Amino acid sequence: MTFPYLKFLCLLSSGKGNKIISRGRTLVLSLFSYVTYFPKVIFSSKQEEKEILAFIKITIL
């Protein structure tokens, strides 16, 4: 379950995420829904969840 999400973070970190985001908002929306509905599966703690969400928001916006 975590693999697509982690792969996405790696792409963002390497700078290739801009190409993905520029393709459309669909991936971003699906990512946010993924994070919203499955936080307990992805994250080991609430603090980690907040940090990664903040990272995503700053990177996208």
N, C-alpha and C. Protein backbone atom coordinates (compact mmCIF):
# COMPACT_ATOMS: atom_id res chain seq x y z
N MET A 1 0.81 -1.22 0.00
CA MET A 1 0.00 0.00 0.00
C MET A 1 0.84 1.27 0.00
N THR A 2 1.99 1.21 0.65
CA THR A 2 2.79 2.44 0.78
C THR A 2 3.67 2.69 -0.43
N PHE A 3 3.87 1.69 -1.29
CA PHE A 3 4.84 1.84 -2.36
C PHE A 3 4.55 3.00 -3.33
N PRO A 4 3.31 3.13 -3.88
CA PRO A 4 3.06 4.24 -4.80
C PRO A 4 3.27 5.59 -4.13
N TYR A 5 2.89 5.67 -2.87
CA TYR A 5 3.02 6.93 -2.13
C TYR A 5 4.49 7.28 -1.92
N LEU A 6 5.28 6.30 -1.51
CA LEU A 6 6.71 6.52 -1.29
C LEU A 6 7.41 6.86 -2.60
N LYS A 7 7.00 6.19 -3.67
CA LYS A 7 7.58 6.46 -4.99
C LYS A 7 7.30 7.90 -5.39
N PHE A 8 6.08 8.37 -5.09
CA PHE A 8 5.70 9.75 -5.41
C PHE A 8 6.57 10.73 -4.63
N LEU A 9 6.79 10.45 -3.35
CA LEU A 9 7.65 11.33 -2.53
C LEU A 9 9.08 11.35 -3.07
N CYS A 10 9.56 10.20 -3.52
CA CYS A 10 10.91 10.14 -4.09
C CYS A 10 10.99 10.97 -5.35
N LEU A 11 9.95 10.93 -6.17
CA LEU A 11 9.92 11.72 -7.40
C LEU A 11 9.92 13.21 -7.07
N LEU A 12 9.15 13.59 -6.05
CA LEU A 12 9.13 14.99 -5.64
C LEU A 12 10.51 15.43 -5.16
N SER A 13 11.14 14.57 -4.39
CA SER A 13 12.45 14.91 -3.84
C SER A 13 13.50 15.06 -4.94
N SER A 14 13.37 14.27 -6.00
CA SER A 14 14.37 14.30 -7.07
C SER A 14 14.07 15.41 -8.09
N GLY A 15 12.93 16.08 -7.94
CA GLY A 15 12.61 17.18 -8.85
C GLY A 15 11.77 16.76 -10.04
N LYS A 16 11.53 15.46 -10.17
CA LYS A 16 10.72 14.98 -11.29
C LYS A 16 9.22 15.13 -11.00
N GLY A 17 8.90 15.47 -9.77
CA GLY A 17 7.49 15.61 -9.37
C GLY A 17 6.78 16.72 -10.10
N ASN A 18 7.51 17.75 -10.52
CA ASN A 18 6.90 18.87 -11.23
C ASN A 18 6.23 18.43 -12.52
N LYS A 19 6.85 17.49 -13.22
CA LYS A 19 6.28 16.97 -14.46
C LYS A 19 4.98 16.23 -14.18
N ILE A 20 4.98 15.49 -13.08
CA ILE A 20 3.78 14.72 -12.72
C ILE A 20 2.65 15.68 -12.35
N ILE A 21 2.95 16.69 -11.55
CA ILE A 21 1.93 17.63 -11.09
C ILE A 21 1.39 18.44 -12.26
N SER A 22 2.25 18.79 -13.21
CA SER A 22 1.82 19.61 -14.34
C SER A 22 0.89 18.85 -15.27
N ARG A 23 0.85 17.55 -15.18
CA ARG A 23 -0.06 16.76 -16.03
C ARG A 23 -1.51 16.97 -15.64
N GLY A 24 -1.75 17.38 -14.42
CA GLY A 24 -3.12 17.59 -13.98
C GLY A 24 -3.25 17.43 -12.50
N ARG A 25 -4.42 17.78 -12.00
CA ARG A 25 -4.67 17.71 -10.56
C ARG A 25 -5.17 16.35 -10.12
N THR A 26 -5.41 15.47 -11.06
CA THR A 26 -5.98 14.16 -10.71
C THR A 26 -5.10 13.39 -9.75
N LEU A 27 -3.80 13.35 -10.05
CA LEU A 27 -2.87 12.62 -9.19
C LEU A 27 -2.80 13.24 -7.80
N VAL A 28 -2.81 14.59 -7.76
CA VAL A 28 -2.75 15.29 -6.48
C VAL A 28 -3.99 14.97 -5.65
N LEU A 29 -5.16 15.04 -6.30
CA LEU A 29 -6.41 14.76 -5.58
C LEU A 29 -6.45 13.31 -5.10
N SER A 30 -6.00 12.39 -5.94
CA SER A 30 -6.01 10.98 -5.54
C SER A 30 -5.02 10.76 -4.40
N LEU A 31 -3.90 11.49 -4.43
CA LEU A 31 -2.92 11.38 -3.36
C LEU A 31 -3.51 11.87 -2.04
N PHE A 32 -4.21 13.01 -2.09
CA PHE A 32 -4.79 13.54 -0.86
C PHE A 32 -5.89 12.63 -0.33
N SER A 33 -6.70 12.05 -1.22
CA SER A 33 -7.75 11.14 -0.77
C SER A 33 -7.11 9.88 -0.19
N TYR A 34 -6.01 9.44 -0.80
CA TYR A 34 -5.26 8.27 -0.33
C TYR A 34 -4.75 8.54 1.09
N VAL A 35 -4.19 9.73 1.29
CA VAL A 35 -3.65 10.11 2.60
C VAL A 35 -4.78 10.26 3.61
N THR A 36 -5.93 10.79 3.17
CA THR A 36 -7.04 11.02 4.08
C THR A 36 -7.68 9.72 4.55
N TYR A 37 -7.86 8.78 3.63
CA TYR A 37 -8.59 7.57 3.97
C TYR A 37 -7.73 6.45 4.56
N PHE A 38 -6.42 6.48 4.29
CA PHE A 38 -5.58 5.39 4.79
C PHE A 38 -4.38 5.86 5.61
N PRO A 39 -4.56 6.87 6.49
CA PRO A 39 -3.41 7.38 7.24
C PRO A 39 -2.81 6.35 8.19
N LYS A 40 -3.66 5.52 8.79
CA LYS A 40 -3.15 4.54 9.76
C LYS A 40 -2.35 3.44 9.08
N VAL A 41 -2.64 3.20 7.82
CA VAL A 41 -1.90 2.18 7.08
C VAL A 41 -0.54 2.72 6.67
N ILE A 42 -0.50 3.99 6.24
CA ILE A 42 0.73 4.58 5.69
C ILE A 42 1.68 5.04 6.78
N PHE A 43 1.14 5.71 7.80
CA PHE A 43 2.01 6.36 8.77
C PHE A 43 2.08 5.60 10.09
N SER A 44 3.26 5.63 10.68
CA SER A 44 3.44 4.94 11.95
C SER A 44 3.01 5.82 13.12
N SER A 45 2.96 7.15 12.89
CA SER A 45 2.54 8.04 13.96
C SER A 45 1.88 9.29 13.38
N LYS A 46 1.09 9.96 14.21
CA LYS A 46 0.40 11.19 13.79
C LYS A 46 1.39 12.29 13.44
N GLN A 47 2.46 12.37 14.19
CA GLN A 47 3.46 13.42 13.95
C GLN A 47 4.07 13.26 12.56
N GLU A 48 4.42 12.03 12.23
CA GLU A 48 4.99 11.76 10.90
C GLU A 48 4.00 12.12 9.81
N GLU A 49 2.73 11.82 10.05
CA GLU A 49 1.68 12.14 9.08
C GLU A 49 1.61 13.64 8.83
N LYS A 50 1.63 14.42 9.89
CA LYS A 50 1.55 15.88 9.76
C LYS A 50 2.76 16.45 9.03
N GLU A 51 3.93 15.92 9.33
CA GLU A 51 5.15 16.40 8.68
C GLU A 51 5.12 16.13 7.18
N ILE A 52 4.69 14.94 6.78
CA ILE A 52 4.66 14.59 5.36
C ILE A 52 3.58 15.38 4.64
N LEU A 53 2.41 15.56 5.28
CA LEU A 53 1.35 16.38 4.68
C LEU A 53 1.82 17.81 4.47
N ALA A 54 2.52 18.36 5.45
CA ALA A 54 3.05 19.71 5.33
C ALA A 54 4.06 19.78 4.18
N PHE A 55 4.89 18.76 4.07
CA PHE A 55 5.88 18.70 2.99
C PHE A 55 5.20 18.68 1.63
N ILE A 56 4.13 17.89 1.51
CA ILE A 56 3.39 17.79 0.25
C ILE A 56 2.76 19.14 -0.11
N LYS A 57 2.11 19.76 0.87
CA LYS A 57 1.43 21.04 0.62
C LYS A 57 2.42 22.12 0.19
N ILE A 58 3.56 22.19 0.86
CA ILE A 58 4.58 23.19 0.51
C ILE A 58 5.13 22.93 -0.88
N THR A 59 5.37 21.67 -1.20
CA THR A 59 5.95 21.31 -2.49
C THR A 59 4.98 21.62 -3.63
N ILE A 60 3.70 21.30 -3.43
CA ILE A 60 2.71 21.50 -4.50
C ILE A 60 2.31 22.97 -4.63
N LEU A 61 2.10 23.62 -3.50
CA LEU A 61 1.66 25.02 -3.53
C LEU A 61 2.84 25.93 -3.48
